[in-house]
Amino acid sequence: MDPAARSAAAPAPRNARGLATARRIHRAAVHLAATVGLDALTVDAVCAEAGISQRTFFHHYPTKDDALLGTDLPSVSTERANRYLSDPTVPILSGAVALIDLPVVADEDPATHLAQLRLLAGSPALQARQAQRFMPVLHELRGLVRLRLEALARAEGHDVDEATLDEQADLVTALGAALANAAVRRLVDGERVALPDLARVTEPLEGLWGQLV
């Protein structure tokens, strides 16, 4: 079975104890990889570091790459999404980016999260895997952006062109993702162990908006 298929078949932790074990394995994998390098990382070494058996490892992760990526993913805030759709004063682009909630584990253990981001930055293969995992969140975000753009068009009395709305939603979502990635890149290249404030990722461009289009 290839890694992608094995990853898709990975069982998710079903309780708090299982989630805690998965996160312990993830931390061990990230810390070891940061020390010895991705190529030298082995499942045996991760098991020894986390104090678990291989059986336990493979119950949570099918490969060492999956252990590096972990089980936690960003999500869309329901509360902020409702406000985004109902409050016309919320900016379309920065408001969309601010809908994303980073994983709780990133707040609880920012040093591990930063080490993971640095490992991802040096591995195109891991970046591709992570991007695939993020697709459902981006799809949800794009749907919210499209609803907001449609509401704006109707409020301003414009004809609603489905193809135009689709294109605009795609572009806004892509811009938001690029800005968030740029904020992460600055974090990875720096020394601070702090997560980016996604609600402020557009601030460096505020003085340039009128000249960008």
C-alpha atoms as a PDB file:
ATOM      1  CA  MET A   1       0.000   0.000   0.000  1.00  0.00           C
ATOM      2  CA  ASP A   2       1.401   3.415  -0.917  1.00  0.00           C
ATOM      3  CA  PRO A   3       1.879   6.113   1.802  1.00  0.00           C
ATOM      4  CA  ALA A   4      -1.092   8.211   0.613  1.00  0.00           C
ATOM      5  CA  ALA A   5      -3.455   5.247   0.802  1.00  0.00           C
ATOM      6  CA  ARG A   6      -2.088   4.187   4.175  1.00  0.00           C
ATOM      7  CA  SER A   7      -2.482   7.741   5.452  1.00  0.00           C
ATOM      8  CA  ALA A   8      -6.099   7.866   4.305  1.00  0.00           C
ATOM      9  CA  ALA A   9      -6.764   4.675   6.232  1.00  0.00           C
ATOM     10  CA  ALA A  10      -5.231   5.961   9.478  1.00  0.00           C
ATOM     11  CA  PRO A  11      -7.566   5.581  12.474  1.00  0.00           C
ATOM     12  CA  ALA A  12      -8.359   8.748  14.359  1.00  0.00           C
ATOM     13  CA  PRO A  13      -8.021   8.849  18.141  1.00  0.00           C
ATOM     14  CA  ARG A  14     -11.458   8.239  19.656  1.00  0.00           C
ATOM     15  CA  ASN A  15     -11.009   9.507  23.180  1.00  0.00           C
ATOM     16  CA  ALA A  16      -8.972  11.899  25.262  1.00  0.00           C
ATOM     17  CA  ARG A  17      -6.417   9.237  26.176  1.00  0.00           C
ATOM     18  CA  GLY A  18      -5.930   8.265  22.553  1.00  0.00           C
ATOM     19  CA  LEU A  19      -5.597  11.893  21.512  1.00  0.00           C
ATOM     20  CA  ALA A  20      -3.007  12.497  24.239  1.00  0.00           C
ATOM     21  CA  THR A  21      -1.007   9.483  23.041  1.00  0.00           C
ATOM     22  CA  ALA A  22      -1.170  10.652  19.420  1.00  0.00           C
ATOM     23  CA  ARG A  23       0.083  14.078  20.436  1.00  0.00           C
ATOM     24  CA  ARG A  24       2.904  12.551  22.487  1.00  0.00           C
ATOM     25  CA  ILE A  25       4.000  10.543  19.449  1.00  0.00           C
ATOM     26  CA  HIS A  26       3.768  13.666  17.300  1.00  0.00           C
ATOM     27  CA  ARG A  27       5.934  15.693  19.685  1.00  0.00           C
ATOM     28  CA  ALA A  28       8.522  12.907  19.855  1.00  0.00           C
ATOM     29  CA  ALA A  29       8.652  12.631  16.057  1.00  0.00           C
ATOM     30  CA  VAL A  30       9.027  16.383  15.571  1.00  0.00           C
ATOM     31  CA  HIS A  31      11.708  16.803  18.241  1.00  0.00           C
ATOM     32  CA  LEU A  32      13.709  13.849  16.913  1.00  0.00           C
ATOM     33  CA  ALA A  33      13.448  14.984  13.297  1.00  0.00           C
ATOM     34  CA  ALA A  34      14.579  18.461  14.308  1.00  0.00           C
ATOM     35  CA  THR A  35      17.639  16.873  15.914  1.00  0.00           C
ATOM     36  CA  VAL A  36      18.649  14.078  13.533  1.00  0.00           C
ATOM     37  CA  GLY A  37      16.982  15.199  10.311  1.00  0.00           C
ATOM     38  CA  LEU A  38      14.024  13.837   8.363  1.00  0.00           C
ATOM     39  CA  ASP A  39      16.002  11.167   6.504  1.00  0.00           C
ATOM     40  CA  ALA A  40      17.470   9.702   9.695  1.00  0.00           C
ATOM     41  CA  LEU A  41      14.156   9.583  11.532  1.00  0.00           C
ATOM     42  CA  THR A  42      12.843   6.055  12.177  1.00  0.00           C
ATOM     43  CA  VAL A  43       9.682   4.651  13.685  1.00  0.00           C
ATOM     44  CA  ASP A  44      11.796   2.724  16.203  1.00  0.00           C
ATOM     45  CA  ALA A  45      13.427   5.926  17.406  1.00  0.00           C
ATOM     46  CA  VAL A  46      10.064   7.683  17.725  1.00  0.00           C
ATOM     47  CA  CYS A  47       8.682   4.758  19.734  1.00  0.00           C
ATOM     48  CA  ALA A  48      11.660   4.845  22.077  1.00  0.00           C
ATOM     49  CA  GLU A  49      11.383   8.606  22.523  1.00  0.00           C
ATOM     50  CA  ALA A  50       7.631   8.463  23.197  1.00  0.00           C
ATOM     51  CA  GLY A  51       7.875   5.343  25.381  1.00  0.00           C
ATOM     52  CA  ILE A  52       5.428   3.303  23.315  1.00  0.00           C
ATOM     53  CA  SER A  53       5.374   0.083  21.300  1.00  0.00           C
ATOM     54  CA  GLN A  54       5.307  -0.105  17.515  1.00  0.00           C
ATOM     55  CA  ARG A  55       1.790  -1.491  17.801  1.00  0.00           C
ATOM     56  CA  THR A  56       0.693   1.678  19.563  1.00  0.00           C
ATOM     57  CA  PHE A  57       2.509   3.825  16.993  1.00  0.00           C
ATOM     58  CA  PHE A  58       0.790   2.160  14.051  1.00  0.00           C
ATOM     59  CA  HIS A  59      -2.578   2.333  15.786  1.00  0.00           C
ATOM     60  CA  HIS A  60      -2.315   6.119  15.556  1.00  0.00           C
ATOM     61  CA  TYR A  61      -0.112   6.733  12.509  1.00  0.00           C
ATOM     62  CA  PRO A  62       0.561   4.585   9.429  1.00  0.00           C
ATOM     63  CA  THR A  63       3.917   6.255   8.660  1.00  0.00           C
ATOM     64  CA  LYS A  64       6.539   8.444  10.291  1.00  0.00           C
ATOM     65  CA  ASP A  65       5.486  11.298   7.993  1.00  0.00           C
ATOM     66  CA  ASP A  66       1.957  11.105   9.380  1.00  0.00           C
ATOM     67  CA  ALA A  67       3.410  11.288  12.895  1.00  0.00           C
ATOM     68  CA  LEU A  68       5.280  14.436  11.910  1.00  0.00           C
ATOM     69  CA  LEU A  69       2.091  16.020  10.590  1.00  0.00           C
ATOM     70  CA  GLY A  70       0.057  15.003  13.635  1.00  0.00           C
ATOM     71  CA  THR A  71      -3.698  14.679  13.987  1.00  0.00           C
ATOM     72  CA  ASP A  72      -4.653  18.300  14.708  1.00  0.00           C
ATOM     73  CA  LEU A  73      -5.830  20.576  11.901  1.00  0.00           C
ATOM     74  CA  PRO A  74      -7.027  24.172  11.640  1.00  0.00           C
ATOM     75  CA  SER A  75     -10.782  24.703  11.662  1.00  0.00           C
ATOM     76  CA  VAL A  76     -13.261  27.425  10.785  1.00  0.00           C
ATOM     77  CA  SER A  77     -14.743  29.314  13.733  1.00  0.00           C
ATOM     78  CA  THR A  78     -18.536  28.989  13.617  1.00  0.00           C
ATOM     79  CA  GLU A  79     -19.031  32.128  15.705  1.00  0.00           C
ATOM     80  CA  ARG A  80     -16.799  34.285  13.497  1.00  0.00           C
ATOM     81  CA  ALA A  81     -18.251  32.721  10.342  1.00  0.00           C
ATOM     82  CA  ASN A  82     -21.749  33.801  11.403  1.00  0.00           C
ATOM     83  CA  ARG A  83     -20.526  37.335  11.993  1.00  0.00           C
ATOM     84  CA  TYR A  84     -18.608  37.321   8.696  1.00  0.00           C
ATOM     85  CA  LEU A  85     -21.816  36.548   6.825  1.00  0.00           C
ATOM     86  CA  SER A  86     -24.075  38.911   8.764  1.00  0.00           C
ATOM     87  CA  ASP A  87     -21.886  41.976   9.425  1.00  0.00           C
ATOM     88  CA  PRO A  88     -21.015  43.971   6.274  1.00  0.00           C
ATOM     89  CA  THR A  89     -18.348  45.920   8.176  1.00  0.00           C
ATOM     90  CA  VAL A  90     -16.129  42.823   8.467  1.00  0.00           C
ATOM     91  CA  PRO A  91     -13.526  43.059   5.658  1.00  0.00           C
ATOM     92  CA  ILE A  92     -13.897  40.377   3.003  1.00  0.00           C
ATOM     93  CA  LEU A  93     -10.240  39.289   2.762  1.00  0.00           C
ATOM     94  CA  SER A  94      -8.782  39.799   6.239  1.00  0.00           C
ATOM     95  CA  GLY A  95     -12.104  38.746   7.737  1.00  0.00           C
ATOM     96  CA  ALA A  96     -11.936  35.479   5.828  1.00  0.00           C
ATOM     97  CA  VAL A  97      -8.406  34.727   7.023  1.00  0.00           C
ATOM     98  CA  ALA A  98      -9.442  35.527  10.596  1.00  0.00           C
ATOM     99  CA  LEU A  99     -12.086  32.784  10.418  1.00  0.00           C
ATOM    100  CA  ILE A 100      -9.354  30.162  10.785  1.00  0.00           C
ATOM    101  CA  ASP A 101      -8.721  28.744  14.236  1.00  0.00           C
ATOM    102  CA  LEU A 102      -5.262  27.223  14.615  1.00  0.00           C
ATOM    103  CA  PRO A 103      -5.137  23.829  16.347  1.00  0.00           C
ATOM    104  CA  VAL A 104      -5.386  23.965  20.134  1.00  0.00           C
ATOM    105  CA  VAL A 105      -2.139  22.018  20.360  1.00  0.00           C
ATOM    106  CA  ALA A 106      -0.356  24.875  18.576  1.00  0.00           C
ATOM    107  CA  ASP A 107      -1.278  27.200  21.454  1.00  0.00           C
ATOM    108  CA  GLU A 108      -0.420  24.622  24.096  1.00  0.00           C
ATOM    109  CA  ASP A 109       2.986  23.726  22.637  1.00  0.00           C
ATOM    110  CA  PRO A 110       4.161  26.522  20.308  1.00  0.00           C
ATOM    111  CA  ALA A 111       7.791  25.322  20.357  1.00  0.00           C
ATOM    112  CA  THR A 112       6.826  21.955  18.857  1.00  0.00           C
ATOM    113  CA  HIS A 113       4.538  23.668  16.367  1.00  0.00           C
ATOM    114  CA  LEU A 114       7.339  25.978  15.273  1.00  0.00           C
ATOM    115  CA  ALA A 115       9.746  23.053  14.929  1.00  0.00           C
ATOM    116  CA  GLN A 116       7.164  21.263  12.787  1.00  0.00           C
ATOM    117  CA  LEU A 117       6.740  24.335  10.564  1.00  0.00           C
ATOM    118  CA  ARG A 118      10.499  24.500  10.052  1.00  0.00           C
ATOM    119  CA  LEU A 119      10.596  20.828   9.087  1.00  0.00           C
ATOM    120  CA  LEU A 120       7.763  21.389   6.619  1.00  0.00           C
ATOM    121  CA  ALA A 121       9.568  24.370   5.131  1.00  0.00           C
ATOM    122  CA  GLY A 122      12.478  22.103   4.203  1.00  0.00           C
ATOM    123  CA  SER A 123      10.410  19.247   2.770  1.00  0.00           C
ATOM    124  CA  PRO A 124       8.308  19.729  -0.387  1.00  0.00           C
ATOM    125  CA  ALA A 125       6.856  16.239   0.102  1.00  0.00           C
ATOM    126  CA  LEU A 126       5.580  17.052   3.590  1.00  0.00           C
ATOM    127  CA  GLN A 127       4.289  20.412   2.359  1.00  0.00           C
ATOM    128  CA  ALA A 128       2.266  18.638  -0.331  1.00  0.00           C
ATOM    129  CA  ARG A 129       0.834  16.187   2.197  1.00  0.00           C
ATOM    130  CA  GLN A 130      -0.078  19.000   4.562  1.00  0.00           C
ATOM    131  CA  ALA A 131      -1.683  21.022   1.775  1.00  0.00           C
ATOM    132  CA  GLN A 132      -3.845  18.019   0.915  1.00  0.00           C
ATOM    133  CA  ARG A 133      -4.941  17.728   4.541  1.00  0.00           C
ATOM    134  CA  PHE A 134      -5.862  21.424   4.600  1.00  0.00           C
ATOM    135  CA  MET A 135      -8.097  21.213   1.518  1.00  0.00           C
ATOM    136  CA  PRO A 136     -11.389  20.646   3.422  1.00  0.00           C
ATOM    137  CA  VAL A 137     -10.792  23.777   5.519  1.00  0.00           C
ATOM    138  CA  LEU A 138      -9.971  25.861   2.433  1.00  0.00           C
ATOM    139  CA  HIS A 139     -13.059  24.493   0.688  1.00  0.00           C
ATOM    140  CA  GLU A 140     -15.215  25.529   3.643  1.00  0.00           C
ATOM    141  CA  LEU A 141     -13.559  28.945   3.700  1.00  0.00           C
ATOM    142  CA  ARG A 142     -14.150  29.416  -0.031  1.00  0.00           C
ATOM    143  CA  GLY A 143     -17.843  28.613   0.432  1.00  0.00           C
ATOM    144  CA  LEU A 144     -18.169  31.299   3.106  1.00  0.00           C
ATOM    145  CA  VAL A 145     -16.340  33.841   0.951  1.00  0.00           C
ATOM    146  CA  ARG A 146     -18.653  33.092  -1.959  1.00  0.00           C
ATOM    147  CA  LEU A 147     -21.743  33.577   0.209  1.00  0.00           C
ATOM    148  CA  ARG A 148     -20.366  36.910   1.429  1.00  0.00           C
ATOM    149  CA  LEU A 149     -19.588  38.089  -2.111  1.00  0.00           C
ATOM    150  CA  GLU A 150     -23.050  37.081  -3.297  1.00  0.00           C
ATOM    151  CA  ALA A 151     -24.678  38.978  -0.428  1.00  0.00           C
ATOM    152  CA  LEU A 152     -22.580  42.038  -1.269  1.00  0.00           C
ATOM    153  CA  ALA A 153     -23.566  41.903  -4.942  1.00  0.00           C
ATOM    154  CA  ARG A 154     -27.253  41.647  -4.071  1.00  0.00           C
ATOM    155  CA  ALA A 155     -27.026  44.430  -1.476  1.00  0.00           C
ATOM    156  CA  GLU A 156     -25.475  46.738  -4.085  1.00  0.00           C
ATOM    157  CA  GLY A 157     -28.109  45.845  -6.671  1.00  0.00           C
ATOM    158  CA  HIS A 158     -25.734  44.069  -9.048  1.00  0.00           C
ATOM    159  CA  ASP A 159     -26.673  41.133 -11.203  1.00  0.00           C
ATOM    160  CA  VAL A 160     -25.359  37.933  -9.642  1.00  0.00           C
ATOM    161  CA  ASP A 161     -23.145  36.173 -12.154  1.00  0.00           C
ATOM    162  CA  GLU A 162     -22.322  32.681 -10.920  1.00  0.00           C
ATOM    163  CA  ALA A 163     -19.091  32.346 -12.910  1.00  0.00           C
ATOM    164  CA  THR A 164     -17.822  35.712 -11.649  1.00  0.00           C
ATOM    165  CA  LEU A 165     -18.683  34.829  -8.055  1.00  0.00           C
ATOM    166  CA  ASP A 166     -16.827  31.541  -8.398  1.00  0.00           C
ATOM    167  CA  GLU A 167     -13.739  33.278  -9.769  1.00  0.00           C
ATOM    168  CA  GLN A 168     -13.797  35.980  -7.113  1.00  0.00           C
ATOM    169  CA  ALA A 169     -14.228  33.434  -4.325  1.00  0.00           C
ATOM    170  CA  ASP A 170     -11.316  31.395  -5.684  1.00  0.00           C
ATOM    171  CA  LEU A 171      -9.086  34.474  -5.834  1.00  0.00           C
ATOM    172  CA  VAL A 172      -9.973  35.764  -2.364  1.00  0.00           C
ATOM    173  CA  THR A 173      -9.402  32.322  -0.852  1.00  0.00           C
ATOM    174  CA  ALA A 174      -6.078  31.955  -2.660  1.00  0.00           C
ATOM    175  CA  LEU A 175      -4.979  35.429  -1.519  1.00  0.00           C
ATOM    176  CA  GLY A 176      -5.932  34.625   2.061  1.00  0.00           C
ATOM    177  CA  ALA A 177      -4.011  31.357   1.976  1.00  0.00           C
ATOM    178  CA  ALA A 178      -0.965  33.097   0.484  1.00  0.00           C
ATOM    179  CA  LEU A 179      -1.028  35.801   3.166  1.00  0.00           C
ATOM    180  CA  ALA A 180      -1.337  33.208   5.931  1.00  0.00           C
ATOM    181  CA  ASN A 181       1.542  31.225   4.421  1.00  0.00           C
ATOM    182  CA  ALA A 182       3.650  34.395   4.271  1.00  0.00           C
ATOM    183  CA  ALA A 183       2.978  35.054   7.962  1.00  0.00           C
ATOM    184  CA  VAL A 184       4.049  31.495   8.764  1.00  0.00           C
ATOM    185  CA  ARG A 185       7.181  31.911   6.626  1.00  0.00           C
ATOM    186  CA  ARG A 186       8.180  35.013   8.596  1.00  0.00           C
ATOM    187  CA  LEU A 187       7.662  33.034  11.787  1.00  0.00           C
ATOM    188  CA  VAL A 188       9.783  30.136  10.514  1.00  0.00           C
ATOM    189  CA  ASP A 189      12.579  32.466   9.416  1.00  0.00           C
ATOM    190  CA  GLY A 190      12.607  34.334  12.729  1.00  0.00           C
ATOM    191  CA  GLU A 191      13.477  33.427  16.282  1.00  0.00           C
ATOM    192  CA  ARG A 192      10.206  34.169  18.091  1.00  0.00           C
ATOM    193  CA  VAL A 193       8.233  31.200  19.384  1.00  0.00           C
ATOM    194  CA  ALA A 194       4.789  32.706  18.815  1.00  0.00           C
ATOM    195  CA  LEU A 195       1.954  31.912  16.455  1.00  0.00           C
ATOM    196  CA  PRO A 196       0.956  34.377  13.736  1.00  0.00           C
ATOM    197  CA  ASP A 197      -2.135  36.506  14.352  1.00  0.00           C
ATOM    198  CA  LEU A 198      -4.185  35.579  11.296  1.00  0.00           C
ATOM    199  CA  ALA A 199      -6.549  38.501  11.876  1.00  0.00           C
ATOM    200  CA  ARG A 200      -3.671  40.889  11.114  1.00  0.00           C
ATOM    201  CA  VAL A 201      -2.021  39.258   8.108  1.00  0.00           C
ATOM    202  CA  THR A 202      -3.205  41.967   5.693  1.00  0.00           C
ATOM    203  CA  GLU A 203      -1.887  44.895   7.765  1.00  0.00           C
ATOM    204  CA  PRO A 204       1.443  45.220   5.878  1.00  0.00           C
ATOM    205  CA  LEU A 205      -0.547  45.850   2.674  1.00  0.00           C
ATOM    206  CA  GLU A 206      -3.037  48.388   3.991  1.00  0.00           C
ATOM    207  CA  GLY A 207      -1.164  51.355   2.557  1.00  0.00           C
ATOM    208  CA  LEU A 208      -0.847  49.678  -0.824  1.00  0.00           C
ATOM    209  CA  TRP A 209      -4.345  48.431  -1.603  1.00  0.00           C
ATOM    210  CA  GLY A 210      -5.175  51.361  -3.863  1.00  0.00           C
ATOM    211  CA  GLN A 211      -2.067  50.718  -5.958  1.00  0.00           C
ATOM    212  CA  LEU A 212      -2.348  46.934  -6.229  1.00  0.00           C
ATOM    213  CA  VAL A 213      -5.270  46.832  -8.665  1.00  0.00           C
END
